[in-house]
Amino acid sequence: MFERTNEASGIESISYQTLSGLSYWSGFVGVWTIIGAVLGIIGSIAGMVANPFSIFGAISAIIALVMGLKLRKSKKELDAFIHSKASINLEIALDSLRYYFRIQGILIILAIVFVVITLVAMAAMGNLMMDYMNNL
């Protein structure tokens, strides 16, 4: 793909292709994340009529909306950096990506915790069921 050299080591050495690709995919994923979040918010609000626990779906959709907006901001700043070469634009873009990845990492950790809790609960329920069946 691309070979790295030690010739230039600064903001100017970042390739246009790398930045434009990062900008494109940040924008693409950001738009679809926002669309999914808006649909999730609408669905959660509609679902609250039948199930008040739909509020948790709305909360996760709002988090997804914030993440999509961070990706869109990153795209905007990357595009500004490509055109102006002002390092503040690159810093803001990378900070938005850092925020996005931090939230995504926290969500992954929470998902792992919930999976472990579910597996432990299932094993405990299985044990209780086995004890119950053996005592019949």
N, C-alpha and C. Protein backbone atom coordinates (compact mmCIF):
# COMPACT_ATOMS: atom_id res chain seq x y z
N MET A 1 0.84 -1.17 0.00
CA MET A 1 0.00 0.00 0.00
C MET A 1 0.88 1.24 0.00
N PHE A 2 1.04 1.89 1.13
CA PHE A 2 1.91 3.07 1.22
C PHE A 2 3.14 2.70 2.02
N GLU A 3 4.27 3.16 1.56
CA GLU A 3 5.49 2.94 2.31
C GLU A 3 5.81 4.16 3.13
N ARG A 4 6.23 3.95 4.35
CA ARG A 4 6.60 5.05 5.23
C ARG A 4 8.09 5.32 5.07
N THR A 5 8.42 6.59 5.01
CA THR A 5 9.83 6.97 4.94
C THR A 5 10.13 7.90 6.09
N ASN A 6 11.38 8.07 6.38
CA ASN A 6 11.80 8.95 7.46
C ASN A 6 12.20 10.33 6.95
N GLU A 7 11.90 10.61 5.70
CA GLU A 7 12.32 11.87 5.10
C GLU A 7 11.64 13.08 5.71
N ALA A 8 10.32 13.07 5.81
CA ALA A 8 9.58 14.20 6.36
C ALA A 8 8.81 13.73 7.57
N SER A 9 8.81 14.54 8.59
CA SER A 9 8.09 14.14 9.80
C SER A 9 7.34 15.34 10.36
N GLY A 10 6.27 15.67 9.74
CA GLY A 10 5.45 16.78 10.19
C GLY A 10 4.07 16.69 9.60
N ILE A 11 3.29 17.68 9.92
CA ILE A 11 1.92 17.70 9.42
C ILE A 11 1.92 17.71 7.90
N GLU A 12 2.87 18.35 7.30
CA GLU A 12 2.93 18.45 5.85
C GLU A 12 3.15 17.09 5.20
N SER A 13 3.70 16.14 5.94
CA SER A 13 4.02 14.84 5.35
C SER A 13 2.82 13.90 5.33
N ILE A 14 1.71 14.29 5.91
CA ILE A 14 0.52 13.45 5.87
C ILE A 14 -0.03 13.50 4.46
N SER A 15 -0.28 12.33 3.90
CA SER A 15 -0.69 12.31 2.48
C SER A 15 -2.14 12.77 2.31
N TYR A 16 -2.37 13.39 1.18
CA TYR A 16 -3.71 13.83 0.81
C TYR A 16 -4.65 12.63 0.75
N GLN A 17 -4.16 11.53 0.22
CA GLN A 17 -4.98 10.33 0.06
C GLN A 17 -5.43 9.80 1.42
N THR A 18 -4.54 9.80 2.40
CA THR A 18 -4.89 9.33 3.74
C THR A 18 -5.94 10.23 4.37
N LEU A 19 -5.71 11.54 4.30
CA LEU A 19 -6.64 12.48 4.91
C LEU A 19 -7.99 12.50 4.21
N SER A 20 -7.99 12.45 2.88
CA SER A 20 -9.27 12.47 2.17
C SER A 20 -10.04 11.18 2.41
N GLY A 21 -9.34 10.07 2.53
CA GLY A 21 -10.01 8.81 2.84
C GLY A 21 -10.60 8.81 4.24
N LEU A 22 -9.84 9.34 5.19
CA LEU A 22 -10.34 9.44 6.56
C LEU A 22 -11.53 10.39 6.62
N SER A 23 -11.47 11.48 5.88
CA SER A 23 -12.56 12.43 5.84
C SER A 23 -13.81 11.78 5.23
N TYR A 24 -13.64 11.08 4.13
CA TYR A 24 -14.77 10.44 3.47
C TYR A 24 -15.46 9.46 4.42
N TRP A 25 -14.68 8.56 5.01
CA TRP A 25 -15.28 7.52 5.84
C TRP A 25 -15.83 8.09 7.14
N SER A 26 -15.22 9.12 7.68
CA SER A 26 -15.80 9.78 8.85
C SER A 26 -17.16 10.37 8.51
N GLY A 27 -17.24 10.98 7.35
CA GLY A 27 -18.51 11.56 6.91
C GLY A 27 -19.55 10.50 6.63
N PHE A 28 -19.17 9.45 5.93
CA PHE A 28 -20.10 8.37 5.58
C PHE A 28 -20.66 7.69 6.82
N VAL A 29 -19.76 7.26 7.71
CA VAL A 29 -20.20 6.58 8.93
C VAL A 29 -20.97 7.55 9.82
N GLY A 30 -20.55 8.80 9.85
CA GLY A 30 -21.25 9.81 10.65
C GLY A 30 -22.68 10.01 10.19
N VAL A 31 -22.89 10.14 8.88
CA VAL A 31 -24.25 10.33 8.34
C VAL A 31 -25.14 9.15 8.69
N TRP A 32 -24.64 7.94 8.46
CA TRP A 32 -25.46 6.76 8.73
C TRP A 32 -25.68 6.54 10.22
N THR A 33 -24.72 6.93 11.04
CA THR A 33 -24.93 6.86 12.48
C THR A 33 -26.02 7.83 12.91
N ILE A 34 -26.00 9.03 12.35
CA ILE A 34 -27.03 10.03 12.67
C ILE A 34 -28.40 9.54 12.21
N ILE A 35 -28.48 9.00 11.00
CA ILE A 35 -29.76 8.49 10.49
C ILE A 35 -30.29 7.38 11.41
N GLY A 36 -29.43 6.44 11.76
CA GLY A 36 -29.84 5.37 12.66
C GLY A 36 -30.26 5.88 14.02
N ALA A 37 -29.55 6.88 14.52
CA ALA A 37 -29.88 7.45 15.83
C ALA A 37 -31.23 8.14 15.81
N VAL A 38 -31.48 8.91 14.76
CA VAL A 38 -32.77 9.61 14.66
C VAL A 38 -33.91 8.60 14.57
N LEU A 39 -33.73 7.56 13.76
CA LEU A 39 -34.74 6.51 13.67
C LEU A 39 -34.92 5.80 15.02
N GLY A 40 -33.81 5.59 15.73
CA GLY A 40 -33.89 4.97 17.06
C GLY A 40 -34.62 5.84 18.06
N ILE A 41 -34.38 7.14 18.01
CA ILE A 41 -35.08 8.06 18.90
C ILE A 41 -36.58 8.05 18.60
N ILE A 42 -36.93 8.13 17.31
CA ILE A 42 -38.35 8.10 16.93
C ILE A 42 -38.99 6.79 17.36
N GLY A 43 -38.32 5.69 17.12
CA GLY A 43 -38.85 4.37 17.51
C GLY A 43 -39.00 4.24 19.02
N SER A 44 -38.05 4.77 19.76
CA SER A 44 -38.12 4.69 21.22
C SER A 44 -39.26 5.53 21.77
N ILE A 45 -39.45 6.71 21.18
CA ILE A 45 -40.55 7.57 21.62
C ILE A 45 -41.89 6.88 21.32
N ALA A 46 -42.00 6.30 20.13
CA ALA A 46 -43.23 5.59 19.78
C ALA A 46 -43.41 4.36 20.68
N GLY A 47 -42.31 3.69 21.00
CA GLY A 47 -42.38 2.49 21.84
C GLY A 47 -42.71 2.76 23.29
N MET A 48 -42.46 3.98 23.74
CA MET A 48 -42.74 4.31 25.14
C MET A 48 -44.23 4.24 25.47
N VAL A 49 -45.08 4.30 24.44
CA VAL A 49 -46.51 4.16 24.66
C VAL A 49 -46.81 2.77 25.20
N ALA A 50 -46.18 1.76 24.64
CA ALA A 50 -46.43 0.39 25.05
C ALA A 50 -45.49 -0.09 26.14
N ASN A 51 -44.27 0.44 26.15
CA ASN A 51 -43.26 -0.05 27.08
C ASN A 51 -42.42 1.11 27.58
N PRO A 52 -42.58 1.47 28.85
CA PRO A 52 -41.80 2.61 29.37
C PRO A 52 -40.30 2.35 29.40
N PHE A 53 -39.88 1.10 29.31
CA PHE A 53 -38.45 0.80 29.30
C PHE A 53 -37.80 1.17 27.98
N SER A 54 -38.59 1.63 27.02
CA SER A 54 -38.03 2.10 25.75
C SER A 54 -37.15 3.32 25.95
N ILE A 55 -37.20 3.91 27.13
CA ILE A 55 -36.35 5.06 27.43
C ILE A 55 -34.88 4.68 27.29
N PHE A 56 -34.55 3.42 27.58
CA PHE A 56 -33.16 2.98 27.43
C PHE A 56 -32.74 2.98 25.97
N GLY A 57 -33.66 2.65 25.07
CA GLY A 57 -33.38 2.74 23.64
C GLY A 57 -33.16 4.17 23.20
N ALA A 58 -33.94 5.08 23.79
CA ALA A 58 -33.77 6.50 23.46
C ALA A 58 -32.42 7.01 23.94
N ILE A 59 -32.01 6.57 25.12
CA ILE A 59 -30.71 6.99 25.67
C ILE A 59 -29.58 6.51 24.76
N SER A 60 -29.64 5.25 24.34
CA SER A 60 -28.58 4.74 23.47
C SER A 60 -28.61 5.43 22.10
N ALA A 61 -29.81 5.77 21.62
CA ALA A 61 -29.91 6.48 20.35
C ALA A 61 -29.33 7.89 20.46
N ILE A 62 -29.53 8.54 21.60
CA ILE A 62 -28.96 9.88 21.80
C ILE A 62 -27.44 9.79 21.84
N ILE A 63 -26.91 8.76 22.48
CA ILE A 63 -25.46 8.56 22.51
C ILE A 63 -24.95 8.36 21.08
N ALA A 64 -25.67 7.55 20.29
CA ALA A 64 -25.27 7.32 18.90
C ALA A 64 -25.34 8.63 18.10
N LEU A 65 -26.33 9.46 18.38
CA LEU A 65 -26.45 10.75 17.70
C LEU A 65 -25.23 11.63 17.99
N VAL A 66 -24.82 11.67 19.24
CA VAL A 66 -23.63 12.45 19.62
C VAL A 66 -22.40 11.91 18.90
N MET A 67 -22.28 10.58 18.83
CA MET A 67 -21.14 9.98 18.15
C MET A 67 -21.14 10.32 16.66
N GLY A 68 -22.31 10.27 16.02
CA GLY A 68 -22.41 10.63 14.61
C GLY A 68 -22.05 12.08 14.37
N LEU A 69 -22.49 12.95 15.27
CA LEU A 69 -22.15 14.38 15.14
C LEU A 69 -20.65 14.61 15.30
N LYS A 70 -20.01 13.86 16.19
CA LYS A 70 -18.55 13.97 16.35
C LYS A 70 -17.83 13.55 15.07
N LEU A 71 -18.32 12.49 14.43
CA LEU A 71 -17.70 12.06 13.17
C LEU A 71 -17.90 13.11 12.08
N ARG A 72 -19.08 13.71 12.01
CA ARG A 72 -19.32 14.76 11.02
C ARG A 72 -18.42 15.98 11.27
N LYS A 73 -18.22 16.32 12.56
CA LYS A 73 -17.34 17.43 12.89
C LYS A 73 -15.91 17.10 12.46
N SER A 74 -15.51 15.87 12.70
CA SER A 74 -14.18 15.44 12.29
C SER A 74 -14.01 15.57 10.78
N LYS A 75 -15.02 15.16 10.02
CA LYS A 75 -14.95 15.27 8.57
C LYS A 75 -14.80 16.73 8.14
N LYS A 76 -15.60 17.60 8.75
CA LYS A 76 -15.56 19.03 8.41
C LYS A 76 -14.16 19.60 8.68
N GLU A 77 -13.59 19.26 9.82
CA GLU A 77 -12.27 19.79 10.19
C GLU A 77 -11.17 19.18 9.32
N LEU A 78 -11.29 17.90 8.96
CA LEU A 78 -10.30 17.30 8.07
C LEU A 78 -10.35 17.97 6.70
N ASP A 79 -11.54 18.24 6.20
CA ASP A 79 -11.66 18.94 4.92
C ASP A 79 -11.04 20.34 5.01
N ALA A 80 -11.29 21.02 6.12
CA ALA A 80 -10.70 22.36 6.30
C ALA A 80 -9.18 22.27 6.36
N PHE A 81 -8.65 21.25 7.02
CA PHE A 81 -7.19 21.09 7.08
C PHE A 81 -6.61 20.81 5.71
N ILE A 82 -7.28 19.96 4.93
CA ILE A 82 -6.78 19.63 3.59
C ILE A 82 -6.66 20.90 2.75
N HIS A 83 -7.61 21.82 2.89
CA HIS A 83 -7.61 23.03 2.08
C HIS A 83 -6.73 24.14 2.65
N SER A 84 -6.62 24.22 3.98
CA SER A 84 -5.91 25.37 4.57
C SER A 84 -4.54 25.01 5.15
N LYS A 85 -4.34 23.75 5.49
CA LYS A 85 -3.12 23.28 6.17
C LYS A 85 -2.93 23.94 7.54
N ALA A 86 -4.03 24.44 8.12
CA ALA A 86 -3.97 25.01 9.47
C ALA A 86 -4.01 23.86 10.47
N SER A 87 -2.97 23.73 11.27
CA SER A 87 -2.85 22.58 12.16
C SER A 87 -3.97 22.51 13.20
N ILE A 88 -4.60 23.63 13.51
CA ILE A 88 -5.69 23.62 14.49
C ILE A 88 -6.86 22.78 13.96
N ASN A 89 -7.08 22.79 12.64
CA ASN A 89 -8.15 21.98 12.06
C ASN A 89 -7.87 20.49 12.24
N LEU A 90 -6.62 20.11 12.04
CA LEU A 90 -6.26 18.70 12.23
C LEU A 90 -6.40 18.32 13.70
N GLU A 91 -6.00 19.21 14.59
CA GLU A 91 -6.11 18.92 16.03
C GLU A 91 -7.57 18.75 16.45
N ILE A 92 -8.44 19.60 15.96
CA ILE A 92 -9.87 19.50 16.29
C ILE A 92 -10.44 18.20 15.72
N ALA A 93 -10.06 17.86 14.49
CA ALA A 93 -10.54 16.62 13.87
C ALA A 93 -10.10 15.40 14.66
N LEU A 94 -8.85 15.37 15.05
CA LEU A 94 -8.34 14.23 15.81
C LEU A 94 -8.96 14.17 17.20
N ASP A 95 -9.23 15.34 17.79
CA ASP A 95 -9.88 15.36 19.09
C ASP A 95 -11.31 14.82 18.99
N SER A 96 -12.01 15.14 17.91
CA SER A 96 -13.35 14.61 17.71
C SER A 96 -13.31 13.09 17.53
N LEU A 97 -12.31 12.61 16.80
CA LEU A 97 -12.15 11.17 16.64
C LEU A 97 -11.81 10.50 17.98
N ARG A 98 -10.98 11.16 18.78
CA ARG A 98 -10.64 10.63 20.11
C ARG A 98 -11.89 10.49 20.96
N TYR A 99 -12.74 11.50 20.93
CA TYR A 99 -13.99 11.48 21.68
C TYR A 99 -14.89 10.35 21.19
N TYR A 100 -14.99 10.19 19.88
CA TYR A 100 -15.79 9.11 19.29
C TYR A 100 -15.29 7.75 19.77
N PHE A 101 -13.98 7.54 19.67
CA PHE A 101 -13.42 6.24 20.06
C PHE A 101 -13.52 6.00 21.57
N ARG A 102 -13.45 7.04 22.36
CA ARG A 102 -13.61 6.89 23.81
C ARG A 102 -15.02 6.40 24.12
N ILE A 103 -16.02 7.04 23.53
CA ILE A 103 -17.40 6.62 23.77
C ILE A 103 -17.59 5.19 23.27
N GLN A 104 -17.09 4.89 22.09
CA GLN A 104 -17.23 3.54 21.53
C GLN A 104 -16.55 2.51 22.43
N GLY A 105 -15.39 2.84 22.96
CA GLY A 105 -14.69 1.94 23.87
C GLY A 105 -15.47 1.69 25.15
N ILE A 106 -16.05 2.74 25.71
CA ILE A 106 -16.86 2.59 26.92
C ILE A 106 -18.07 1.70 26.63
N LEU A 107 -18.70 1.90 25.47
CA LEU A 107 -19.85 1.06 25.11
C LEU A 107 -19.44 -0.40 24.94
N ILE A 108 -18.27 -0.64 24.39
CA ILE A 108 -17.78 -2.02 24.23
C ILE A 108 -17.53 -2.64 25.60
N ILE A 109 -16.91 -1.89 26.51
CA ILE A 109 -16.67 -2.41 27.86
C ILE A 109 -17.99 -2.73 28.55
N LEU A 110 -18.98 -1.82 28.43
CA LEU A 110 -20.29 -2.08 29.03
C LEU A 110 -20.94 -3.33 28.43
N ALA A 111 -20.81 -3.51 27.13
CA ALA A 111 -21.38 -4.69 26.49
C ALA A 111 -20.73 -5.96 27.01
N ILE A 112 -19.41 -5.94 27.17
CA ILE A 112 -18.71 -7.12 27.69
C ILE A 112 -19.17 -7.41 29.12
N VAL A 113 -19.32 -6.38 29.94
CA VAL A 113 -19.78 -6.56 31.31
C VAL A 113 -21.18 -7.19 31.32
N PHE A 114 -22.07 -6.67 30.47
CA PHE A 114 -23.43 -7.23 30.43
C PHE A 114 -23.44 -8.66 29.92
N VAL A 115 -22.58 -9.00 28.98
CA VAL A 115 -22.49 -10.38 28.50
C VAL A 115 -22.02 -11.30 29.62
N VAL A 116 -21.01 -10.88 30.37
CA VAL A 116 -20.50 -11.69 31.47
C VAL A 116 -21.58 -11.87 32.53
N ILE A 117 -22.28 -10.79 32.88
CA ILE A 117 -23.36 -10.88 33.87
C ILE A 117 -24.44 -11.84 33.37
N THR A 118 -24.79 -11.75 32.10
CA THR A 118 -25.81 -12.64 31.53
C THR A 118 -25.36 -14.09 31.57
N LEU A 119 -24.10 -14.35 31.22
CA LEU A 119 -23.60 -15.73 31.25
C LEU A 119 -23.59 -16.29 32.67
N VAL A 120 -23.18 -15.48 33.63
CA VAL A 120 -23.17 -15.92 35.03
C VAL A 120 -24.60 -16.20 35.49
N ALA A 121 -25.53 -15.31 35.15
CA ALA A 121 -26.93 -15.50 35.54
C ALA A 121 -27.51 -16.76 34.88
N MET A 122 -27.17 -16.99 33.62
CA MET A 122 -27.66 -18.20 32.95
C MET A 122 -27.09 -19.45 33.58
N ALA A 123 -25.82 -19.43 33.93
CA ALA A 123 -25.21 -20.59 34.59
C ALA A 123 -25.85 -20.83 35.95
N ALA A 124 -26.11 -19.76 36.69
CA ALA A 124 -26.74 -19.90 38.00
C ALA A 124 -28.16 -20.45 37.86
N MET A 125 -28.91 -19.94 36.89
CA MET A 125 -30.27 -20.45 36.67
C MET A 125 -30.24 -21.90 36.22
N GLY A 126 -29.28 -22.25 35.39
CA GLY A 126 -29.13 -23.65 34.97
C GLY A 126 -28.85 -24.55 36.16
N ASN A 127 -27.99 -24.09 37.05
CA ASN A 127 -27.69 -24.86 38.26
C ASN A 127 -28.93 -25.03 39.12
N LEU A 128 -29.69 -23.95 39.29
CA LEU A 128 -30.92 -24.04 40.09
C LEU A 128 -31.92 -24.99 39.45
N MET A 129 -32.04 -24.95 38.14
CA MET A 129 -32.95 -25.84 37.45
C MET A 129 -32.50 -27.29 37.60
N MET A 130 -31.22 -27.54 37.51
CA MET A 130 -30.70 -28.91 37.68
C MET A 130 -30.98 -29.41 39.09
N ASP A 131 -30.76 -28.55 40.10
CA ASP A 131 -31.05 -28.94 41.49
C ASP A 131 -32.52 -29.22 41.68
N TYR A 132 -33.37 -28.40 41.09
CA TYR A 132 -34.80 -28.57 41.20
C TYR A 132 -35.24 -29.88 40.54
N MET A 133 -34.70 -30.14 39.36
CA MET A 133 -35.07 -31.38 38.63
C MET A 133 -34.58 -32.61 39.37
N ASN A 134 -33.41 -32.54 40.00
CA ASN A 134 -32.87 -33.67 40.76
C ASN A 134 -33.66 -33.94 42.02
N ASN A 135 -34.29 -32.93 42.60
CA ASN A 135 -35.05 -33.10 43.82
C ASN A 135 -36.48 -33.57 43.57
N LEU A 136 -36.89 -33.70 42.32
CA LEU A 136 -38.24 -34.19 42.02
C LEU A 136 -38.34 -35.63 42.18
